[in-house]
């Protein structure tokens, strides 16, 4: 079965694009919403995203934990935030490779608020489909990464919406 290399989902949040962007573009805060990410350490210690910014993300899935090295590829306030995962490892991201790209887009919604779209892109293009599918099913307890990430994105966006809309104005 051929792989699906990209999945995305959207949610409308009752807040301005700039407000949501300020939260999502700070990698240290992602652990508040994501089912797997537990936050990040930005290499230069900054909180405002910029293209080229490097951070290490801490992640868990069941009993497993790992760290990823990421580089911001888009930082357009109120519009778009994206980063590429380019290394992975248990405690430190020692194994380099093209792993994934994550993107968040922020658009004014027709009825008010902001449509936030989260996208995951599988950057493992050099892997044969049968090998990627076997690895994915072992790493996700029987799912492809596309199916697994589709559920994670849905949970992340629901958690983000709840957090943003329940914050005091």
N, C-alpha and C. Protein backbone atom coordinates (compact mmCIF):
# COMPACT_ATOMS: atom_id res chain seq x y z
N UNK A 1 0.84 -1.18 0.00
CA UNK A 1 0.00 0.00 0.00
C UNK A 1 0.89 1.24 0.00
N UNK A 2 0.69 2.17 -0.93
CA UNK A 2 1.50 3.39 -0.96
C UNK A 2 1.22 4.26 0.27
N UNK A 3 2.24 4.96 0.66
CA UNK A 3 2.13 5.82 1.84
C UNK A 3 1.41 7.12 1.54
N UNK A 4 0.81 7.65 2.58
CA UNK A 4 0.27 9.01 2.55
C UNK A 4 1.36 9.88 3.18
N UNK A 5 1.82 10.88 2.45
CA UNK A 5 2.94 11.69 2.91
C UNK A 5 2.55 12.97 3.63
N UNK A 6 1.26 13.28 3.69
CA UNK A 6 0.85 14.52 4.34
C UNK A 6 -0.57 14.40 4.85
N UNK A 7 -0.80 14.85 6.07
CA UNK A 7 -2.14 14.93 6.62
C UNK A 7 -2.30 16.27 7.33
N UNK A 8 -3.53 16.77 7.35
CA UNK A 8 -3.78 18.03 8.04
C UNK A 8 -5.22 18.07 8.52
N UNK A 9 -5.47 18.98 9.42
CA UNK A 9 -6.81 19.21 9.94
C UNK A 9 -6.86 20.67 10.38
N UNK A 10 -8.07 21.18 10.56
CA UNK A 10 -8.26 22.58 10.94
C UNK A 10 -9.29 22.70 12.04
N UNK A 11 -9.21 23.82 12.75
CA UNK A 11 -10.19 24.17 13.77
C UNK A 11 -10.32 25.69 13.76
N UNK A 12 -11.51 26.18 14.08
CA UNK A 12 -11.70 27.62 14.22
C UNK A 12 -11.63 27.95 15.71
N UNK A 13 -10.79 28.92 16.04
CA UNK A 13 -10.58 29.34 17.42
C UNK A 13 -11.01 30.79 17.54
N UNK A 14 -11.73 31.08 18.59
CA UNK A 14 -12.23 32.43 18.83
C UNK A 14 -11.12 33.31 19.42
N UNK A 15 -10.20 33.70 18.55
CA UNK A 15 -9.08 34.58 18.92
C UNK A 15 -8.45 35.10 17.64
N UNK A 16 -7.67 36.14 17.77
CA UNK A 16 -7.00 36.74 16.62
C UNK A 16 -5.84 35.85 16.16
N UNK A 17 -5.53 35.85 14.86
CA UNK A 17 -4.40 35.06 14.36
C UNK A 17 -3.10 35.36 15.10
N UNK A 18 -2.85 36.62 15.41
CA UNK A 18 -1.60 36.98 16.09
C UNK A 18 -1.51 36.38 17.48
N UNK A 19 -2.65 36.28 18.17
CA UNK A 19 -2.68 35.69 19.51
C UNK A 19 -2.32 34.21 19.47
N UNK A 20 -2.92 33.51 18.52
CA UNK A 20 -2.67 32.06 18.41
C UNK A 20 -1.25 31.81 17.92
N UNK A 21 -0.82 32.57 16.93
CA UNK A 21 0.54 32.43 16.41
C UNK A 21 1.57 32.60 17.53
N UNK A 22 1.39 33.58 18.38
CA UNK A 22 2.35 33.84 19.47
C UNK A 22 2.51 32.61 20.37
N UNK A 23 1.45 31.86 20.57
CA UNK A 23 1.52 30.65 21.38
C UNK A 23 2.16 29.50 20.61
N UNK A 24 1.65 29.21 19.42
CA UNK A 24 2.10 28.06 18.64
C UNK A 24 3.55 28.19 18.20
N UNK A 25 3.99 29.40 17.92
CA UNK A 25 5.35 29.59 17.41
C UNK A 25 6.41 29.58 18.51
N UNK A 26 6.01 29.40 19.75
CA UNK A 26 6.97 29.25 20.85
C UNK A 26 7.09 27.76 21.13
N UNK A 27 8.16 27.10 20.64
CA UNK A 27 8.28 25.64 20.77
C UNK A 27 8.23 25.13 22.21
N UNK A 28 8.62 25.94 23.15
CA UNK A 28 8.60 25.52 24.55
C UNK A 28 7.17 25.28 25.05
N UNK A 29 6.18 25.91 24.41
CA UNK A 29 4.79 25.79 24.85
C UNK A 29 4.03 24.63 24.21
N UNK A 30 4.56 24.02 23.15
CA UNK A 30 3.81 23.01 22.40
C UNK A 30 3.36 21.85 23.28
N UNK A 31 4.09 21.53 24.31
CA UNK A 31 3.71 20.44 25.20
C UNK A 31 2.39 20.65 25.90
N UNK A 32 1.90 21.88 25.92
CA UNK A 32 0.59 22.14 26.54
C UNK A 32 -0.57 21.53 25.76
N UNK A 33 -0.38 21.32 24.44
CA UNK A 33 -1.47 20.88 23.57
C UNK A 33 -1.24 19.51 22.95
N UNK A 34 -0.02 19.19 22.65
CA UNK A 34 0.30 17.98 21.91
C UNK A 34 0.19 16.73 22.77
N UNK A 35 -0.34 15.63 22.19
CA UNK A 35 -0.39 14.39 22.95
C UNK A 35 0.98 13.73 23.13
N UNK A 36 1.98 14.11 22.31
CA UNK A 36 3.30 13.50 22.41
C UNK A 36 4.39 14.46 22.85
N UNK A 37 4.35 15.69 22.40
CA UNK A 37 5.42 16.63 22.71
C UNK A 37 5.31 17.10 24.15
N UNK A 38 6.45 17.24 24.79
CA UNK A 38 6.50 17.69 26.19
C UNK A 38 7.23 19.02 26.33
N UNK A 39 7.32 19.75 25.23
CA UNK A 39 7.99 21.05 25.24
C UNK A 39 9.30 20.98 24.49
N UNK A 40 10.04 22.07 24.55
CA UNK A 40 11.28 22.15 23.79
C UNK A 40 12.25 23.12 24.46
N UNK A 41 13.49 22.97 24.09
CA UNK A 41 14.53 23.89 24.51
C UNK A 41 15.06 24.59 23.26
N UNK A 42 14.93 25.90 23.24
CA UNK A 42 15.42 26.68 22.11
C UNK A 42 16.90 26.93 22.33
N UNK A 43 17.71 26.69 21.30
CA UNK A 43 19.16 26.76 21.46
C UNK A 43 19.66 28.14 21.89
N UNK A 44 19.07 29.19 21.35
CA UNK A 44 19.54 30.53 21.74
C UNK A 44 18.73 31.11 22.89
N UNK A 45 17.78 30.34 23.41
CA UNK A 45 16.99 30.78 24.56
C UNK A 45 15.87 31.74 24.23
N UNK A 46 15.70 32.10 22.96
CA UNK A 46 14.67 33.05 22.58
C UNK A 46 13.28 32.45 22.59
N UNK A 47 12.28 33.29 22.68
CA UNK A 47 10.90 32.85 22.66
C UNK A 47 10.20 33.22 21.35
N UNK A 48 10.72 34.19 20.63
CA UNK A 48 10.11 34.61 19.36
C UNK A 48 10.74 33.83 18.22
N UNK A 49 9.92 33.19 17.43
CA UNK A 49 10.40 32.35 16.34
C UNK A 49 10.99 33.18 15.21
N UNK A 50 12.00 32.62 14.56
CA UNK A 50 12.58 33.21 13.36
C UNK A 50 13.10 32.08 12.49
N UNK A 51 13.14 32.30 11.19
CA UNK A 51 13.64 31.28 10.27
C UNK A 51 15.09 30.99 10.63
N UNK A 52 15.39 29.71 10.79
CA UNK A 52 16.73 29.27 11.17
C UNK A 52 16.86 28.95 12.65
N UNK A 53 15.88 29.35 13.45
CA UNK A 53 15.92 29.04 14.88
C UNK A 53 15.96 27.52 15.07
N UNK A 54 16.80 27.06 15.99
CA UNK A 54 16.95 25.62 16.25
C UNK A 54 16.45 25.33 17.66
N UNK A 55 15.71 24.24 17.77
CA UNK A 55 15.25 23.81 19.09
C UNK A 55 15.23 22.30 19.17
N UNK A 56 15.33 21.78 20.39
CA UNK A 56 15.23 20.35 20.64
C UNK A 56 13.90 20.08 21.32
N UNK A 57 13.08 19.25 20.69
CA UNK A 57 11.78 18.89 21.23
C UNK A 57 11.85 17.61 22.03
N UNK A 58 11.19 17.57 23.17
CA UNK A 58 11.10 16.37 24.01
C UNK A 58 9.75 15.71 23.76
N UNK A 59 9.77 14.41 23.52
CA UNK A 59 8.56 13.69 23.13
C UNK A 59 8.43 12.37 23.89
N UNK A 60 7.18 11.93 24.07
CA UNK A 60 6.91 10.62 24.66
C UNK A 60 5.75 9.98 23.93
N UNK A 61 5.80 8.66 23.86
CA UNK A 61 4.69 7.86 23.33
C UNK A 61 4.70 6.58 24.16
N UNK A 62 3.70 6.43 25.02
CA UNK A 62 3.68 5.28 25.91
C UNK A 62 4.93 5.29 26.78
N UNK A 63 5.64 4.17 26.85
CA UNK A 63 6.84 4.11 27.70
C UNK A 63 8.10 4.68 27.01
N UNK A 64 7.98 5.10 25.77
CA UNK A 64 9.14 5.55 25.01
C UNK A 64 9.28 7.07 25.03
N UNK A 65 10.50 7.54 25.08
CA UNK A 65 10.76 8.97 24.99
C UNK A 65 11.92 9.19 24.03
N UNK A 66 11.94 10.36 23.40
CA UNK A 66 12.99 10.70 22.46
C UNK A 66 13.06 12.21 22.32
N UNK A 67 14.17 12.65 21.73
CA UNK A 67 14.41 14.07 21.50
C UNK A 67 14.63 14.29 20.01
N UNK A 68 14.08 15.38 19.50
CA UNK A 68 14.26 15.72 18.10
C UNK A 68 14.96 17.08 17.98
N UNK A 69 15.76 17.25 16.96
CA UNK A 69 16.37 18.54 16.64
C UNK A 69 15.58 19.12 15.48
N UNK A 70 15.09 20.33 15.66
CA UNK A 70 14.21 20.97 14.68
C UNK A 70 14.75 22.33 14.29
N UNK A 71 14.45 22.72 13.05
CA UNK A 71 14.83 24.03 12.54
C UNK A 71 13.59 24.71 11.98
N UNK A 72 13.36 25.94 12.42
CA UNK A 72 12.21 26.71 11.93
C UNK A 72 12.45 27.09 10.48
N UNK A 73 11.44 26.82 9.63
CA UNK A 73 11.54 27.11 8.20
C UNK A 73 10.60 28.23 7.76
N UNK A 74 9.64 28.58 8.61
CA UNK A 74 8.72 29.70 8.32
C UNK A 74 8.29 30.32 9.64
N UNK A 75 8.35 31.63 9.71
CA UNK A 75 7.94 32.36 10.91
C UNK A 75 7.32 33.69 10.48
N UNK A 76 6.11 33.60 9.97
CA UNK A 76 5.38 34.76 9.49
C UNK A 76 4.29 35.08 10.51
N UNK A 77 4.51 36.04 11.40
CA UNK A 77 3.57 36.30 12.50
C UNK A 77 2.13 36.44 12.03
N UNK A 78 1.26 35.68 12.71
CA UNK A 78 -0.15 35.71 12.41
C UNK A 78 -0.57 34.98 11.16
N UNK A 79 0.40 34.39 10.43
CA UNK A 79 0.08 33.72 9.17
C UNK A 79 0.55 32.27 9.11
N UNK A 80 1.83 32.05 9.39
CA UNK A 80 2.39 30.71 9.17
C UNK A 80 3.60 30.47 10.06
N UNK A 81 3.64 29.27 10.64
CA UNK A 81 4.80 28.82 11.41
C UNK A 81 5.09 27.39 10.98
N UNK A 82 6.35 27.07 10.66
CA UNK A 82 6.71 25.72 10.24
C UNK A 82 8.11 25.38 10.71
N UNK A 83 8.32 24.09 10.92
CA UNK A 83 9.65 23.63 11.27
C UNK A 83 9.89 22.23 10.72
N UNK A 84 11.16 21.93 10.51
CA UNK A 84 11.57 20.63 9.97
C UNK A 84 12.29 19.86 11.07
N UNK A 85 11.89 18.60 11.25
CA UNK A 85 12.57 17.70 12.18
C UNK A 85 13.71 17.07 11.41
N UNK A 86 14.96 17.30 11.89
CA UNK A 86 16.10 16.88 11.10
C UNK A 86 17.07 15.95 11.82
N UNK A 87 16.77 15.60 13.07
CA UNK A 87 17.60 14.63 13.80
C UNK A 87 16.77 14.09 14.96
N UNK A 88 17.12 12.89 15.41
CA UNK A 88 16.37 12.23 16.47
C UNK A 88 17.31 11.38 17.32
N UNK A 89 16.95 11.18 18.56
CA UNK A 89 17.74 10.33 19.44
C UNK A 89 17.02 10.14 20.76
N UNK A 90 17.48 9.19 21.51
CA UNK A 90 16.83 8.91 22.80
C UNK A 90 16.92 10.10 23.74
N UNK A 91 18.12 10.48 24.11
CA UNK A 91 18.30 11.63 25.01
C UNK A 91 18.78 12.88 24.27
N UNK A 92 19.58 12.65 23.25
CA UNK A 92 20.07 13.75 22.42
C UNK A 92 19.84 13.37 20.96
N UNK A 93 19.52 14.33 20.14
CA UNK A 93 19.24 14.04 18.72
C UNK A 93 20.52 13.81 17.93
N UNK A 94 21.04 12.59 17.97
CA UNK A 94 22.31 12.27 17.33
C UNK A 94 22.19 11.71 15.92
N UNK A 95 21.03 11.12 15.59
CA UNK A 95 20.84 10.49 14.29
C UNK A 95 20.21 11.48 13.31
N UNK A 96 21.03 12.01 12.37
CA UNK A 96 20.46 13.00 11.42
C UNK A 96 19.64 12.32 10.34
N UNK A 97 18.72 13.07 9.78
CA UNK A 97 17.94 12.55 8.67
C UNK A 97 16.74 13.43 8.40
N UNK A 98 16.14 13.21 7.25
CA UNK A 98 14.89 13.91 6.91
C UNK A 98 13.76 13.12 7.56
N UNK A 99 13.11 13.72 8.54
CA UNK A 99 12.11 13.00 9.32
C UNK A 99 10.71 13.51 9.03
N UNK A 100 10.45 14.77 9.32
CA UNK A 100 9.11 15.32 9.12
C UNK A 100 9.16 16.84 9.09
N UNK A 101 8.12 17.42 8.54
CA UNK A 101 7.90 18.86 8.59
C UNK A 101 6.54 19.09 9.20
N UNK A 102 6.45 20.07 10.10
CA UNK A 102 5.19 20.46 10.73
C UNK A 102 4.91 21.90 10.34
N UNK A 103 3.65 22.18 10.00
CA UNK A 103 3.27 23.53 9.58
C UNK A 103 1.95 23.92 10.22
N UNK A 104 1.86 25.18 10.59
CA UNK A 104 0.63 25.77 11.15
C UNK A 104 0.32 27.02 10.34
N UNK A 105 -0.91 27.09 9.85
CA UNK A 105 -1.38 28.28 9.11
C UNK A 105 -2.53 28.90 9.88
N UNK A 106 -2.58 30.23 9.85
CA UNK A 106 -3.57 31.00 10.59
C UNK A 106 -4.28 31.93 9.62
N UNK A 107 -5.61 31.77 9.50
CA UNK A 107 -6.40 32.57 8.57
C UNK A 107 -7.65 33.06 9.28
N UNK A 108 -8.03 34.29 9.02
CA UNK A 108 -9.30 34.80 9.56
C UNK A 108 -10.43 33.92 9.05
N UNK A 109 -11.30 33.47 9.95
CA UNK A 109 -12.44 32.63 9.57
C UNK A 109 -13.60 33.52 9.14
N UNK A 110 -14.42 33.03 8.22
CA UNK A 110 -15.54 33.79 7.68
C UNK A 110 -16.49 34.28 8.78
N UNK A 111 -16.78 33.45 9.75
CA UNK A 111 -17.72 33.82 10.82
C UNK A 111 -17.06 34.48 12.01
N UNK A 112 -15.78 34.78 11.92
CA UNK A 112 -15.03 35.35 13.03
C UNK A 112 -14.04 34.35 13.58
N UNK A 113 -13.10 34.82 14.33
CA UNK A 113 -12.07 33.95 14.86
C UNK A 113 -11.02 33.62 13.82
N UNK A 114 -10.26 32.56 14.09
CA UNK A 114 -9.14 32.17 13.23
C UNK A 114 -9.22 30.69 12.91
N UNK A 115 -9.07 30.37 11.64
CA UNK A 115 -8.94 28.97 11.24
C UNK A 115 -7.46 28.61 11.36
N UNK A 116 -7.18 27.63 12.22
CA UNK A 116 -5.81 27.13 12.40
C UNK A 116 -5.74 25.77 11.71
N UNK A 117 -4.79 25.63 10.79
CA UNK A 117 -4.58 24.38 10.08
C UNK A 117 -3.20 23.85 10.45
N UNK A 118 -3.18 22.62 10.97
CA UNK A 118 -1.93 21.95 11.31
C UNK A 118 -1.70 20.86 10.28
N UNK A 119 -0.46 20.79 9.76
CA UNK A 119 -0.11 19.81 8.74
C UNK A 119 1.17 19.09 9.13
N UNK A 120 1.14 17.79 8.96
CA UNK A 120 2.33 16.94 9.12
C UNK A 120 2.72 16.42 7.76
N UNK A 121 4.02 16.51 7.42
CA UNK A 121 4.54 16.01 6.15
C UNK A 121 5.63 15.00 6.45
N UNK A 122 5.50 13.81 5.89
CA UNK A 122 6.49 12.76 6.05
C UNK A 122 7.65 13.05 5.11
N UNK A 123 8.80 13.38 5.68
CA UNK A 123 9.98 13.70 4.86
C UNK A 123 10.86 12.48 4.59
N UNK A 124 10.41 11.31 4.98
CA UNK A 124 11.21 10.08 4.77
C UNK A 124 10.98 9.56 3.35
N UNK A 125 11.20 10.39 2.36
CA UNK A 125 10.91 10.05 0.96
C UNK A 125 11.80 8.94 0.43
N UNK A 126 12.99 8.79 0.98
CA UNK A 126 13.92 7.77 0.50
C UNK A 126 13.63 6.38 1.03
N UNK A 127 12.73 6.26 1.98
CA UNK A 127 12.40 4.95 2.53
C UNK A 127 11.44 4.22 1.59
N UNK A 128 11.68 2.94 1.32
CA UNK A 128 10.69 2.18 0.57
C UNK A 128 9.39 2.08 1.38
N UNK A 129 8.26 2.06 0.69
CA UNK A 129 6.96 2.03 1.37
C UNK A 129 6.83 0.86 2.33
N UNK A 130 7.26 -0.35 1.92
CA UNK A 130 7.10 -1.51 2.79
C UNK A 130 7.90 -1.34 4.08
N UNK A 131 9.09 -0.74 4.00
CA UNK A 131 9.92 -0.54 5.19
C UNK A 131 9.31 0.54 6.10
N UNK A 132 8.87 1.63 5.50
CA UNK A 132 8.24 2.71 6.29
C UNK A 132 6.98 2.20 6.96
N UNK A 133 6.14 1.46 6.25
CA UNK A 133 4.91 0.93 6.83
C UNK A 133 5.20 -0.03 7.98
N UNK A 134 6.21 -0.88 7.84
CA UNK A 134 6.57 -1.82 8.92
C UNK A 134 7.08 -1.04 10.13
N UNK A 135 7.95 -0.06 9.90
CA UNK A 135 8.47 0.75 11.01
C UNK A 135 7.34 1.50 11.70
N UNK A 136 6.48 2.13 10.90
CA UNK A 136 5.37 2.91 11.45
C UNK A 136 4.47 2.05 12.34
N UNK A 137 4.14 0.87 11.87
CA UNK A 137 3.24 0.00 12.63
C UNK A 137 3.89 -0.45 13.94
N UNK A 138 5.20 -0.66 13.94
CA UNK A 138 5.89 -1.01 15.18
C UNK A 138 5.93 0.18 16.13
N UNK A 139 6.16 1.37 15.59
CA UNK A 139 6.31 2.58 16.43
C UNK A 139 4.97 3.11 16.94
N UNK A 140 3.88 2.77 16.28
CA UNK A 140 2.57 3.34 16.66
C UNK A 140 1.56 2.28 17.08
N UNK A 141 2.03 1.08 17.32
CA UNK A 141 1.16 -0.02 17.73
C UNK A 141 0.09 -0.34 16.68
N UNK A 142 0.55 -0.49 15.42
CA UNK A 142 -0.34 -0.98 14.39
C UNK A 142 -0.87 0.01 13.38
N UNK A 143 -0.43 1.25 13.42
CA UNK A 143 -0.95 2.28 12.51
C UNK A 143 0.14 2.80 11.59
N UNK A 144 -0.26 3.37 10.48
CA UNK A 144 0.70 4.13 9.68
C UNK A 144 0.89 5.48 10.37
N UNK A 145 2.00 6.16 10.08
CA UNK A 145 2.19 7.48 10.68
C UNK A 145 1.12 8.45 10.22
N UNK A 146 0.66 8.32 8.98
CA UNK A 146 -0.39 9.23 8.51
C UNK A 146 -1.64 9.10 9.38
N UNK A 147 -2.09 7.88 9.62
CA UNK A 147 -3.27 7.68 10.47
C UNK A 147 -3.01 8.13 11.90
N UNK A 148 -1.84 7.80 12.41
CA UNK A 148 -1.47 8.17 13.78
C UNK A 148 -1.42 9.69 13.93
N UNK A 149 -0.77 10.36 12.98
CA UNK A 149 -0.64 11.82 13.07
C UNK A 149 -1.97 12.51 12.85
N UNK A 150 -2.84 11.93 12.06
CA UNK A 150 -4.18 12.51 11.87
C UNK A 150 -4.89 12.62 13.22
N UNK A 151 -4.82 11.58 14.02
CA UNK A 151 -5.44 11.61 15.36
C UNK A 151 -4.71 12.59 16.28
N UNK A 152 -3.38 12.60 16.22
CA UNK A 152 -2.62 13.53 17.06
C UNK A 152 -2.93 14.98 16.72
N UNK A 153 -3.05 15.28 15.44
CA UNK A 153 -3.37 16.64 15.01
C UNK A 153 -4.75 17.04 15.53
N UNK A 154 -5.70 16.16 15.40
CA UNK A 154 -7.06 16.45 15.88
C UNK A 154 -7.04 16.76 17.39
N UNK A 155 -6.29 15.96 18.15
CA UNK A 155 -6.20 16.19 19.61
C UNK A 155 -5.47 17.48 19.92
N UNK A 156 -4.38 17.74 19.21
CA UNK A 156 -3.62 18.98 19.43
C UNK A 156 -4.49 20.20 19.18
N UNK A 157 -5.20 20.20 18.06
CA UNK A 157 -6.04 21.36 17.73
C UNK A 157 -7.18 21.53 18.74
N UNK A 158 -7.77 20.45 19.18
CA UNK A 158 -8.84 20.54 20.19
C UNK A 158 -8.28 21.10 21.50
N UNK A 159 -7.10 20.63 21.90
CA UNK A 159 -6.47 21.13 23.13
C UNK A 159 -6.08 22.60 23.00
N UNK A 160 -5.57 22.99 21.82
CA UNK A 160 -5.20 24.38 21.58
C UNK A 160 -6.43 25.27 21.66
N UNK A 161 -7.50 24.87 21.02
CA UNK A 161 -8.75 25.64 21.05
C UNK A 161 -9.23 25.83 22.49
N UNK A 162 -9.25 24.77 23.24
CA UNK A 162 -9.70 24.84 24.63
C UNK A 162 -8.81 25.79 25.44
N UNK A 163 -7.51 25.66 25.28
CA UNK A 163 -6.57 26.50 26.04
C UNK A 163 -6.72 27.98 25.67
N UNK A 164 -6.74 28.28 24.39
CA UNK A 164 -6.82 29.68 23.94
C UNK A 164 -8.15 30.30 24.34
N UNK A 165 -9.24 29.58 24.13
CA UNK A 165 -10.56 30.17 24.41
C UNK A 165 -10.88 30.25 25.89
N UNK A 166 -10.17 29.51 26.71
CA UNK A 166 -10.43 29.59 28.15
C UNK A 166 -9.48 30.53 28.88
N UNK A 167 -8.49 31.07 28.17
CA UNK A 167 -7.57 32.04 28.78
C UNK A 167 -8.28 33.35 29.03
N UNK A 168 -7.97 34.02 30.13
CA UNK A 168 -8.57 35.34 30.36
C UNK A 168 -8.14 36.33 29.28
N UNK A 169 -9.04 37.20 28.90
CA UNK A 169 -8.76 38.17 27.85
C UNK A 169 -7.94 39.31 28.42
